[in-house]
Protein backbone atom coordinates (compact mmCIF):
# COMPACT_ATOMS: atom_id res chain seq x y z
CA MET A 1 143.67 155.96 82.92
CA THR A 2 143.56 152.36 80.51
CA ARG A 3 143.65 150.15 83.80
CA LYS A 4 140.67 151.82 84.97
CA ALA A 5 138.13 151.13 82.22
CA PRO A 6 137.81 147.21 82.34
CA ALA A 7 137.28 148.07 86.03
CA LEU A 8 134.59 150.25 85.20
CA ALA A 9 133.54 148.43 82.70
CA LEU A 10 133.40 145.17 85.17
CA VAL A 11 131.39 147.72 87.66
CA LEU A 12 129.27 149.00 85.10
CA PHE A 13 128.21 145.56 83.43
CA ALA A 14 127.29 143.93 87.16
CA SER A 15 124.97 147.08 87.76
CA LEU A 16 123.16 146.45 84.61
CA PHE A 17 122.78 142.77 85.05
CA ALA A 18 121.92 142.71 88.87
CA TYR A 19 119.29 145.18 87.88
CA GLY A 20 118.03 142.42 84.53
CA CYS A 21 117.45 140.26 87.72
CA ALA A 22 116.08 142.03 89.64
CA GLU A 23 113.16 142.96 87.55
CA LYS A 24 110.73 140.18 86.30
CA GLY A 25 109.52 139.47 82.56
CA PRO A 26 106.78 137.55 81.01
CA ALA A 27 108.72 134.56 80.60
CA GLU A 28 109.58 134.35 84.28
CA LYS A 29 106.25 135.20 85.76
CA ALA A 30 104.78 132.73 83.39
CA GLY A 31 107.10 130.15 84.64
CA GLU A 32 106.57 131.07 89.02
CA LYS A 33 103.10 130.55 87.60
CA ILE A 34 103.10 127.51 86.50
CA ASP A 35 105.16 125.62 89.14
CA ASP A 36 103.08 127.18 91.41
CA ALA A 37 100.54 125.46 89.59
CA MET A 38 102.40 122.15 89.45
CA SER A 39 103.15 122.09 93.39
CA GLU A 40 98.92 122.70 94.21
CA ALA A 41 98.79 119.88 91.60
CA ALA A 42 101.17 117.81 93.83
CA ASP A 43 99.94 118.45 97.00
CA LYS A 44 96.23 117.75 95.78
CA THR A 45 97.20 114.16 94.63
CA GLU A 46 98.96 113.17 98.16
CA GLU A 47 95.98 114.55 99.88
CA ALA A 48 93.75 111.98 97.58
CA GLY A 49 96.61 109.44 98.04
CA GLU A 50 95.83 109.56 101.11
CA ALA A 51 92.27 109.62 101.08
CA MET A 52 92.97 106.78 99.27
CA LYS A 53 94.28 105.08 101.66
CA ASP A 54 92.19 105.68 104.64
CA ALA A 55 89.02 104.70 102.85
CA ALA A 56 90.79 101.56 101.99
CA LYS A 57 91.83 100.77 105.27
CA GLU A 58 88.53 101.29 106.26
CA ALA A 59 86.61 99.24 103.81
CA GLY A 60 89.62 96.36 104.92
CA GLU A 61 88.76 96.81 108.72
CA LYS A 62 84.85 96.82 107.64
CA ILE A 63 85.11 93.25 105.58
CA GLU A 64 87.62 91.41 108.63
CA GLU A 65 84.67 92.92 110.82
CA ALA A 66 81.90 91.05 108.01
CA ALA A 67 84.16 88.01 108.34
CA GLU A 68 84.13 87.76 111.83
CA LYS A 69 80.45 88.23 112.78
CA ALA A 70 79.91 85.31 110.04
CA LYS A 71 82.14 82.85 111.61
CA GLY A 72 80.60 83.42 114.53
CA ASP A 73 77.31 83.11 113.23
């Protein structure tokens, strides 16, 4: 019986640990919301950077066109 006690305690502890991990507490839920918000902010920042890059490229092309047109006149 003394050999079974540690094994039983281990199984009981593992069961309680697994149950505790299955349920999300308020801190974990808040952390997930923060992670989602940061991920969304990163996506928006990337989109804004791409839009700025595209606008700069378009502006550069228009400047080049205007310079070529000015040379031709």
